[in-house]
Amino acid sequence: MLYIVFYDISDDGMRNRVADVLKKKGLVRVQYSVFIGDLNSARLKDVVASLRVLYRSNKEGRFSVMILPVTQAMFNQRIMIGDEFKENEDKIIW
């Protein structure tokens, strides 16, 4: 299933660590604080466990992460306004 991960983290270093974890787990950045990826149950549990480790190590500021499941039909109905974020050439493939 496709999952959207978005976060609000005040500490720059921690925010970068979260982004690095999400990239290493195969998610694609679609906005500065939003990633998306196709995760099976095992990979989802791995992502959640990794983010919980970071949360427990967070010493300063805000740390909020939300993981939202999205069906293909819902994703296909997305509305994009403005420029598409292009951090790299990764594409979301169904």
PDB file of N, CA and C in Angstrom:
ATOM      1  N   MET A   1       0.849  -1.181   0.000  1.00  0.00           N
ATOM      2  CA  MET A   1       0.000   0.000   0.000  1.00  0.00           C
ATOM      3  C   MET A   1       0.890   1.238   0.000  1.00  0.00           C
ATOM      4  N   LEU A   2       0.383   2.287  -0.565  1.00  0.00           N
ATOM      5  CA  LEU A   2       1.085   3.560  -0.598  1.00  0.00           C
ATOM      6  C   LEU A   2       0.873   4.281   0.723  1.00  0.00           C
ATOM      7  N   TYR A   3       1.954   4.874   1.246  1.00  0.00           N
ATOM      8  CA  TYR A   3       1.877   5.641   2.490  1.00  0.00           C
ATOM      9  C   TYR A   3       2.485   7.017   2.275  1.00  0.00           C
ATOM     10  N   ILE A   4       1.826   8.017   2.841  1.00  0.00           N
ATOM     11  CA  ILE A   4       2.359   9.370   2.867  1.00  0.00           C
ATOM     12  C   ILE A   4       2.853   9.620   4.282  1.00  0.00           C
ATOM     13  N   VAL A   5       4.097  10.067   4.392  1.00  0.00           N
ATOM     14  CA  VAL A   5       4.694  10.381   5.687  1.00  0.00           C
ATOM     15  C   VAL A   5       4.983  11.873   5.697  1.00  0.00           C
ATOM     16  N   PHE A   6       4.399  12.565   6.671  1.00  0.00           N
ATOM     17  CA  PHE A   6       4.697  13.992   6.787  1.00  0.00           C
ATOM     18  C   PHE A   6       5.015  14.316   8.226  1.00  0.00           C
ATOM     19  N   TYR A   7       5.829  15.353   8.386  1.00  0.00           N
ATOM     20  CA  TYR A   7       6.337  15.628   9.724  1.00  0.00           C
ATOM     21  C   TYR A   7       6.513  17.113   9.980  1.00  0.00           C
ATOM     22  N   ASP A   8       6.528  17.422  11.273  1.00  0.00           N
ATOM     23  CA  ASP A   8       6.790  18.768  11.770  1.00  0.00           C
ATOM     24  C   ASP A   8       7.824  18.601  12.881  1.00  0.00           C
ATOM     25  N   ILE A   9       9.069  18.899  12.564  1.00  0.00           N
ATOM     26  CA  ILE A   9      10.175  18.712  13.497  1.00  0.00           C
ATOM     27  C   ILE A   9      10.963  20.010  13.542  1.00  0.00           C
ATOM     28  N   SER A  10      11.106  20.571  14.733  1.00  0.00           N
ATOM     29  CA  SER A  10      11.717  21.895  14.857  1.00  0.00           C
ATOM     30  C   SER A  10      13.241  21.877  14.765  1.00  0.00           C
ATOM     31  N   ASP A  11      13.879  20.813  15.210  1.00  0.00           N
ATOM     32  CA  ASP A  11      15.342  20.749  15.220  1.00  0.00           C
ATOM     33  C   ASP A  11      15.865  20.346  13.839  1.00  0.00           C
ATOM     34  N   ASP A  12      16.742  21.175  13.263  1.00  0.00           N
ATOM     35  CA  ASP A  12      17.257  20.917  11.913  1.00  0.00           C
ATOM     36  C   ASP A  12      17.953  19.567  11.798  1.00  0.00           C
ATOM     37  N   GLY A  13      18.805  19.250  12.765  1.00  0.00           N
ATOM     38  CA  GLY A  13      19.537  17.989  12.723  1.00  0.00           C
ATOM     39  C   GLY A  13      18.609  16.791  12.772  1.00  0.00           C
ATOM     40  N   MET A  14      17.636  16.842  13.659  1.00  0.00           N
ATOM     41  CA  MET A  14      16.684  15.737  13.778  1.00  0.00           C
ATOM     42  C   MET A  14      15.833  15.627  12.514  1.00  0.00           C
ATOM     43  N   ARG A  15      15.436  16.764  11.963  1.00  0.00           N
ATOM     44  CA  ARG A  15      14.643  16.756  10.730  1.00  0.00           C
ATOM     45  C   ARG A  15      15.438  16.088   9.601  1.00  0.00           C
ATOM     46  N   ASN A  16      16.726  16.388   9.526  1.00  0.00           N
ATOM     47  CA  ASN A  16      17.574  15.764   8.510  1.00  0.00           C
ATOM     48  C   ASN A  16      17.724  14.267   8.742  1.00  0.00           C
ATOM     49  N   ARG A  17      17.829  13.850  10.002  1.00  0.00           N
ATOM     50  CA  ARG A  17      17.936  12.422  10.307  1.00  0.00           C
ATOM     51  C   ARG A  17      16.656  11.682   9.904  1.00  0.00           C
ATOM     52  N   VAL A  18      15.514  12.287  10.175  1.00  0.00           N
ATOM     53  CA  VAL A  18      14.241  11.669   9.773  1.00  0.00           C
ATOM     54  C   VAL A  18      14.188  11.542   8.248  1.00  0.00           C
ATOM     55  N   ALA A  19      14.553  12.590   7.538  1.00  0.00           N
ATOM     56  CA  ALA A  19      14.551  12.545   6.072  1.00  0.00           C
ATOM     57  C   ALA A  19      15.501  11.462   5.565  1.00  0.00           C
ATOM     58  N   ASP A  20      16.678  11.352   6.173  1.00  0.00           N
ATOM     59  CA  ASP A  20      17.643  10.326   5.758  1.00  0.00           C
ATOM     60  C   ASP A  20      17.088   8.921   5.960  1.00  0.00           C
ATOM     61  N   VAL A  21      16.439   8.691   7.101  1.00  0.00           N
ATOM     62  CA  VAL A  21      15.838   7.378   7.371  1.00  0.00           C
ATOM     63  C   VAL A  21      14.787   7.057   6.315  1.00  0.00           C
ATOM     64  N   LEU A  22      13.927   8.014   6.026  1.00  0.00           N
ATOM     65  CA  LEU A  22      12.861   7.768   5.051  1.00  0.00           C
ATOM     66  C   LEU A  22      13.430   7.469   3.667  1.00  0.00           C
ATOM     67  N   LYS A  23      14.464   8.201   3.267  1.00  0.00           N
ATOM     68  CA  LYS A  23      15.103   7.936   1.973  1.00  0.00           C
ATOM     69  C   LYS A  23      15.722   6.542   1.951  1.00  0.00           C
ATOM     70  N   LYS A  24      16.433   6.194   3.022  1.00  0.00           N
ATOM     71  CA  LYS A  24      17.081   4.875   3.088  1.00  0.00           C
ATOM     72  C   LYS A  24      16.066   3.738   3.072  1.00  0.00           C
ATOM     73  N   LYS A  25      14.867   4.008   3.558  1.00  0.00           N
ATOM     74  CA  LYS A  25      13.816   2.986   3.582  1.00  0.00           C
ATOM     75  C   LYS A  25      13.052   2.927   2.259  1.00  0.00           C
ATOM     76  N   GLY A  26      13.461   3.759   1.284  1.00  0.00           N
ATOM     77  CA  GLY A  26      12.880   3.679  -0.048  1.00  0.00           C
ATOM     78  C   GLY A  26      11.745   4.636  -0.341  1.00  0.00           C
ATOM     79  N   LEU A  27      11.473   5.573   0.571  1.00  0.00           N
ATOM     80  CA  LEU A  27      10.424   6.548   0.297  1.00  0.00           C
ATOM     81  C   LEU A  27      10.995   7.688  -0.547  1.00  0.00           C
ATOM     82  N   VAL A  28      10.124   8.368  -1.255  1.00  0.00           N
ATOM     83  CA  VAL A  28      10.514   9.451  -2.156  1.00  0.00           C
ATOM     84  C   VAL A  28      10.005  10.770  -1.596  1.00  0.00           C
ATOM     85  N   ARG A  29      10.877  11.764  -1.559  1.00  0.00           N
ATOM     86  CA  ARG A  29      10.472  13.087  -1.071  1.00  0.00           C
ATOM     87  C   ARG A  29       9.637  13.778  -2.141  1.00  0.00           C
ATOM     88  N   VAL A  30       8.439  14.246  -1.739  1.00  0.00           N
ATOM     89  CA  VAL A  30       7.553  14.954  -2.667  1.00  0.00           C
ATOM     90  C   VAL A  30       7.331  16.403  -2.252  1.00  0.00           C
ATOM     91  N   GLN A  31       7.659  16.739  -1.034  1.00  0.00           N
ATOM     92  CA  GLN A  31       7.680  18.101  -0.513  1.00  0.00           C
ATOM     93  C   GLN A  31       8.802  18.122   0.516  1.00  0.00           C
ATOM     94  N   TYR A  32       9.145  19.294   1.033  1.00  0.00           N
ATOM     95  CA  TYR A  32      10.266  19.354   1.972  1.00  0.00           C
ATOM     96  C   TYR A  32      10.052  18.469   3.196  1.00  0.00           C
ATOM     97  N   SER A  33       8.868  18.367   3.691  1.00  0.00           N
ATOM     98  CA  SER A  33       8.593  17.547   4.879  1.00  0.00           C
ATOM     99  C   SER A  33       7.564  16.459   4.602  1.00  0.00           C
ATOM    100  N   VAL A  34       7.525  15.991   3.357  1.00  0.00           N
ATOM    101  CA  VAL A  34       6.558  14.961   2.974  1.00  0.00           C
ATOM    102  C   VAL A  34       7.249  13.926   2.084  1.00  0.00           C
ATOM    103  N   PHE A  35       7.074  12.661   2.462  1.00  0.00           N
ATOM    104  CA  PHE A  35       7.601  11.548   1.682  1.00  0.00           C
ATOM    105  C   PHE A  35       6.452  10.618   1.335  1.00  0.00           C
ATOM    106  N   ILE A  36       6.653   9.833   0.275  1.00  0.00           N
ATOM    107  CA  ILE A  36       5.637   8.875  -0.123  1.00  0.00           C
ATOM    108  C   ILE A  36       6.339   7.595  -0.565  1.00  0.00           C
ATOM    109  N   GLY A  37       5.724   6.464  -0.274  1.00  0.00           N
ATOM    110  CA  GLY A  37       6.332   5.211  -0.680  1.00  0.00           C
ATOM    111  C   GLY A  37       5.361   4.055  -0.618  1.00  0.00           C
ATOM    112  N   ASP A  38       5.664   3.040  -1.395  1.00  0.00           N
ATOM    113  CA  ASP A  38       4.871   1.815  -1.427  1.00  0.00           C
ATOM    114  C   ASP A  38       5.500   0.849  -0.427  1.00  0.00           C
ATOM    115  N   LEU A  39       4.816   0.589   0.679  1.00  0.00           N
ATOM    116  CA  LEU A  39       5.364  -0.222   1.763  1.00  0.00           C
ATOM    117  C   LEU A  39       4.470  -1.417   2.051  1.00  0.00           C
ATOM    118  N   ASN A  40       5.085  -2.589   2.137  1.00  0.00           N
ATOM    119  CA  ASN A  40       4.331  -3.737   2.626  1.00  0.00           C
ATOM    120  C   ASN A  40       4.328  -3.670   4.156  1.00  0.00           C
ATOM    121  N   SER A  41       3.689  -4.608   4.789  1.00  0.00           N
ATOM    122  CA  SER A  41       3.536  -4.576   6.243  1.00  0.00           C
ATOM    123  C   SER A  41       4.882  -4.587   6.967  1.00  0.00           C
ATOM    124  N   ALA A  42       5.807  -5.424   6.513  1.00  0.00           N
ATOM    125  CA  ALA A  42       7.119  -5.518   7.162  1.00  0.00           C
ATOM    126  C   ALA A  42       7.909  -4.222   7.011  1.00  0.00           C
ATOM    127  N   ARG A  43       7.884  -3.644   5.822  1.00  0.00           N
ATOM    128  CA  ARG A  43       8.618  -2.389   5.603  1.00  0.00           C
ATOM    129  C   ARG A  43       7.992  -1.249   6.391  1.00  0.00           C
ATOM    130  N   LEU A  44       6.665  -1.227   6.495  1.00  0.00           N
ATOM    131  CA  LEU A  44       5.998  -0.200   7.293  1.00  0.00           C
ATOM    132  C   LEU A  44       6.432  -0.311   8.753  1.00  0.00           C
ATOM    133  N   LYS A  45       6.435  -1.529   9.292  1.00  0.00           N
ATOM    134  CA  LYS A  45       6.864  -1.726  10.682  1.00  0.00           C
ATOM    135  C   LYS A  45       8.300  -1.268  10.882  1.00  0.00           C
ATOM    136  N   ASP A  46       9.157  -1.516   9.899  1.00  0.00           N
ATOM    137  CA  ASP A  46      10.555  -1.090   9.972  1.00  0.00           C
ATOM    138  C   ASP A  46      10.665   0.435   9.997  1.00  0.00           C
ATOM    139  N   VAL A  47       9.908   1.104   9.137  1.00  0.00           N
ATOM    140  CA  VAL A  47       9.905   2.575   9.117  1.00  0.00           C
ATOM    141  C   VAL A  47       9.424   3.118  10.459  1.00  0.00           C
ATOM    142  N   VAL A  48       8.328   2.584  10.962  1.00  0.00           N
ATOM    143  CA  VAL A  48       7.768   3.044  12.241  1.00  0.00           C
ATOM    144  C   VAL A  48       8.776   2.829  13.363  1.00  0.00           C
ATOM    145  N   ALA A  49       9.407   1.668  13.405  1.00  0.00           N
ATOM    146  CA  ALA A  49      10.394   1.385  14.458  1.00  0.00           C
ATOM    147  C   ALA A  49      11.565   2.356  14.385  1.00  0.00           C
ATOM    148  N   SER A  50      12.048   2.637  13.188  1.00  0.00           N
ATOM    149  CA  SER A  50      13.168   3.570  13.023  1.00  0.00           C
ATOM    150  C   SER A  50      12.797   4.976  13.467  1.00  0.00           C
ATOM    151  N   LEU A  51      11.587   5.407  13.133  1.00  0.00           N
ATOM    152  CA  LEU A  51      11.144   6.743  13.539  1.00  0.00           C
ATOM    153  C   LEU A  51      10.938   6.817  15.049  1.00  0.00           C
ATOM    154  N   ARG A  52      10.480   5.741  15.659  1.00  0.00           N
ATOM    155  CA  ARG A  52      10.312   5.726  17.121  1.00  0.00           C
ATOM    156  C   ARG A  52      11.655   5.838  17.834  1.00  0.00           C
ATOM    157  N   VAL A  53      12.678   5.212  17.292  1.00  0.00           N
ATOM    158  CA  VAL A  53      14.025   5.338  17.864  1.00  0.00           C
ATOM    159  C   VAL A  53      14.459   6.799  17.823  1.00  0.00           C
ATOM    160  N   LEU A  54      14.245   7.455  16.701  1.00  0.00           N
ATOM    161  CA  LEU A  54      14.603   8.872  16.594  1.00  0.00           C
ATOM    162  C   LEU A  54      13.783   9.715  17.561  1.00  0.00           C
ATOM    163  N   TYR A  55      12.502   9.419  17.680  1.00  0.00           N
ATOM    164  CA  TYR A  55      11.640  10.171  18.598  1.00  0.00           C
ATOM    165  C   TYR A  55      12.152  10.060  20.031  1.00  0.00           C
ATOM    166  N   ARG A  56      12.512   8.854  20.433  1.00  0.00           N
ATOM    167  CA  ARG A  56      13.005   8.658  21.802  1.00  0.00           C
ATOM    168  C   ARG A  56      14.330   9.378  22.037  1.00  0.00           C
ATOM    169  N   SER A  57      15.108   9.575  20.986  1.00  0.00           N
ATOM    170  CA  SER A  57      16.390  10.266  21.137  1.00  0.00           C
ATOM    171  C   SER A  57      16.256  11.780  21.015  1.00  0.00           C
ATOM    172  N   ASN A  58      15.068  12.256  20.656  1.00  0.00           N
ATOM    173  CA  ASN A  58      14.848  13.693  20.481  1.00  0.00           C
ATOM    174  C   ASN A  58      14.909  14.402  21.830  1.00  0.00           C
ATOM    175  N   LYS A  59      15.777  15.388  21.934  1.00  0.00           N
ATOM    176  CA  LYS A  59      15.963  16.108  23.197  1.00  0.00           C
ATOM    177  C   LYS A  59      15.392  17.520  23.166  1.00  0.00           C
ATOM    178  N   GLU A  60      15.178  18.043  21.971  1.00  0.00           N
ATOM    179  CA  GLU A  60      14.747  19.437  21.875  1.00  0.00           C
ATOM    180  C   GLU A  60      13.583  19.595  20.902  1.00  0.00           C
ATOM    181  N   GLY A  61      12.688  20.450  21.267  1.00  0.00           N
ATOM    182  CA  GLY A  61      11.671  20.918  20.337  1.00  0.00           C
ATOM    183  C   GLY A  61      10.616  19.910  19.932  1.00  0.00           C
ATOM    184  N   ARG A  62       9.917  20.309  18.913  1.00  0.00           N
ATOM    185  CA  ARG A  62       8.749  19.605  18.395  1.00  0.00           C
ATOM    186  C   ARG A  62       9.187  18.404  17.551  1.00  0.00           C
ATOM    187  N   PHE A  63       8.478  17.295  17.714  1.00  0.00           N
ATOM    188  CA  PHE A  63       8.715  16.100  16.898  1.00  0.00           C
ATOM    189  C   PHE A  63       7.359  15.457  16.663  1.00  0.00           C
ATOM    190  N   SER A  64       6.842  15.622  15.462  1.00  0.00           N
ATOM    191  CA  SER A  64       5.536  15.072  15.125  1.00  0.00           C
ATOM    192  C   SER A  64       5.616  14.452  13.735  1.00  0.00           C
ATOM    193  N   VAL A  65       5.297  13.162  13.653  1.00  0.00           N
ATOM    194  CA  VAL A  65       5.303  12.448  12.375  1.00  0.00           C
ATOM    195  C   VAL A  65       3.952  11.772  12.207  1.00  0.00           C
ATOM    196  N   MET A  66       3.373  11.894  11.028  1.00  0.00           N
ATOM    197  CA  MET A  66       2.125  11.207  10.727  1.00  0.00           C
ATOM    198  C   MET A  66       2.343  10.339   9.488  1.00  0.00           C
ATOM    199  N   ILE A  67       1.838   9.113   9.558  1.00  0.00           N
ATOM    200  CA  ILE A  67       1.926   8.177   8.438  1.00  0.00           C
ATOM    201  C   ILE A  67       0.502   7.836   8.022  1.00  0.00           C
ATOM    202  N   LEU A  68       0.194   8.128   6.774  1.00  0.00           N
ATOM    203  CA  LEU A  68      -1.174   8.016   6.285  1.00  0.00           C
ATOM    204  C   LEU A  68      -1.250   7.033   5.118  1.00  0.00           C
ATOM    205  N   PRO A  69      -2.041   5.967   5.237  1.00  0.00           N
ATOM    206  CA  PRO A  69      -2.213   5.060   4.099  1.00  0.00           C
ATOM    207  C   PRO A  69      -3.101   5.704   3.037  1.00  0.00           C
ATOM    208  N   VAL A  70      -2.751   5.452   1.774  1.00  0.00           N
ATOM    209  CA  VAL A  70      -3.498   6.037   0.660  1.00  0.00           C
ATOM    210  C   VAL A  70      -3.687   4.964  -0.409  1.00  0.00           C
ATOM    211  N   THR A  71      -4.902   4.774  -0.847  1.00  0.00           N
ATOM    212  CA  THR A  71      -5.153   3.814  -1.922  1.00  0.00           C
ATOM    213  C   THR A  71      -4.712   4.405  -3.259  1.00  0.00           C
ATOM    214  N   GLN A  72      -4.551   3.539  -4.234  1.00  0.00           N
ATOM    215  CA  GLN A  72      -4.185   4.007  -5.563  1.00  0.00           C
ATOM    216  C   GLN A  72      -5.248   4.958  -6.108  1.00  0.00           C
ATOM    217  N   ALA A  73      -6.507   4.631  -5.903  1.00  0.00           N
ATOM    218  CA  ALA A  73      -7.595   5.485  -6.394  1.00  0.00           C
ATOM    219  C   ALA A  73      -7.526   6.874  -5.767  1.00  0.00           C
ATOM    220  N   MET A  74      -7.248   6.916  -4.477  1.00  0.00           N
ATOM    221  CA  MET A  74      -7.140   8.217  -3.805  1.00  0.00           C
ATOM    222  C   MET A  74      -5.944   9.004  -4.345  1.00  0.00           C
ATOM    223  N   PHE A  75      -4.812   8.317  -4.511  1.00  0.00           N
ATOM    224  CA  PHE A  75      -3.617   8.985  -5.016  1.00  0.00           C
ATOM    225  C   PHE A  75      -3.852   9.533  -6.416  1.00  0.00           C
ATOM    226  N   ASN A  76      -4.552   8.778  -7.245  1.00  0.00           N
ATOM    227  CA  ASN A  76      -4.824   9.212  -8.615  1.00  0.00           C
ATOM    228  C   ASN A  76      -5.735  10.435  -8.671  1.00  0.00           C
ATOM    229  N   GLN A  77      -6.448  10.722  -7.600  1.00  0.00           N
ATOM    230  CA  GLN A  77      -7.329  11.890  -7.544  1.00  0.00           C
ATOM    231  C   GLN A  77      -6.645  13.120  -6.947  1.00  0.00           C
ATOM    232  N   ARG A  78      -5.364  13.020  -6.671  1.00  0.00           N
ATOM    233  CA  ARG A  78      -4.652  14.144  -6.044  1.00  0.00           C
ATOM    234  C   ARG A  78      -4.748  15.384  -6.927  1.00  0.00           C
ATOM    235  N   ILE A  79      -4.684  16.507  -6.303  1.00  0.00           N
ATOM    236  CA  ILE A  79      -4.694  17.792  -6.999  1.00  0.00           C
ATOM    237  C   ILE A  79      -3.361  18.457  -6.711  1.00  0.00           C
ATOM    238  N   MET A  80      -2.622  18.792  -7.742  1.00  0.00           N
ATOM    239  CA  MET A  80      -1.315  19.423  -7.594  1.00  0.00           C
ATOM    240  C   MET A  80      -1.433  20.869  -8.028  1.00  0.00           C
ATOM    241  N   ILE A  81      -1.059  21.767  -7.153  1.00  0.00           N
ATOM    242  CA  ILE A  81      -1.070  23.194  -7.460  1.00  0.00           C
ATOM    243  C   ILE A  81       0.353  23.697  -7.302  1.00  0.00           C
ATOM    244  N   GLY A  82       0.874  24.315  -8.321  1.00  0.00           N
ATOM    245  CA  GLY A  82       2.239  24.836  -8.243  1.00  0.00           C
ATOM    246  C   GLY A  82       3.256  23.849  -8.781  1.00  0.00           C
ATOM    247  N   ASP A  83       4.508  24.150  -8.495  1.00  0.00           N
ATOM    248  CA  ASP A  83       5.616  23.366  -9.019  1.00  0.00           C
ATOM    249  C   ASP A  83       5.768  22.045  -8.283  1.00  0.00           C
ATOM    250  N   GLU A  84       6.116  21.026  -9.036  1.00  0.00           N
ATOM    251  CA  GLU A  84       6.385  19.722  -8.458  1.00  0.00           C
ATOM    252  C   GLU A  84       7.770  19.753  -7.815  1.00  0.00           C
ATOM    253  N   PHE A  85       7.899  19.170  -6.637  1.00  0.00           N
ATOM    254  CA  PHE A  85       9.180  19.105  -5.934  1.00  0.00           C
ATOM    255  C   PHE A  85      10.078  18.116  -6.662  1.00  0.00           C
ATOM    256  N   LYS A  86      11.311  18.532  -6.972  1.00  0.00           N
ATOM    257  CA  LYS A  86      12.222  17.660  -7.713  1.00  0.00           C
ATOM    258  C   LYS A  86      13.564  17.588  -6.997  1.00  0.00           C
ATOM    259  N   GLU A  87      13.611  16.790  -5.934  1.00  0.00           N
ATOM    260  CA  GLU A  87      14.880  16.609  -5.230  1.00  0.00           C
ATOM    261  C   GLU A  87      15.821  15.732  -6.045  1.00  0.00           C
ATOM    262  N   ASN A  88      15.272  14.732  -6.693  1.00  0.00           N
ATOM    263  CA  ASN A  88      16.043  13.836  -7.548  1.00  0.00           C
ATOM    264  C   ASN A  88      15.101  13.274  -8.607  1.00  0.00           C
ATOM    265  N   GLU A  89      15.541  12.280  -9.299  1.00  0.00           N
ATOM    266  CA  GLU A  89      14.737  11.747 -10.398  1.00  0.00           C
ATOM    267  C   GLU A  89      13.830  10.592  -9.988  1.00  0.00           C
ATOM    268  N   ASP A  90      13.729  10.317  -8.680  1.00  0.00           N
ATOM    269  CA  ASP A  90      12.865   9.226  -8.230  1.00  0.00           C
ATOM    270  C   ASP A  90      11.419   9.514  -8.616  1.00  0.00           C
ATOM    271  N   LYS A  91      10.747   8.482  -9.038  1.00  0.00           N
ATOM    272  CA  LYS A  91       9.338   8.596  -9.406  1.00  0.00           C
ATOM    273  C   LYS A  91       8.527   7.609  -8.584  1.00  0.00           C
ATOM    274  N   ILE A  92       7.293   7.930  -8.364  1.00  0.00           N
ATOM    275  CA  ILE A  92       6.379   7.033  -7.672  1.00  0.00           C
ATOM    276  C   ILE A  92       5.698   6.189  -8.739  1.00  0.00           C
ATOM    277  N   ILE A  93       5.896   4.889  -8.663  1.00  0.00           N
ATOM    278  CA  ILE A  93       5.366   3.987  -9.686  1.00  0.00           C
ATOM    279  C   ILE A  93       4.340   3.060  -9.056  1.00  0.00           C
ATOM    280  N   TRP A  94       3.199   2.930  -9.712  1.00  0.00           N
ATOM    281  CA  TRP A  94       2.156   1.995  -9.260  1.00  0.00           C
ATOM    282  C   TRP A  94       2.181   0.800 -10.138  1.00  0.00           C
TER     283      TRP A  94
END
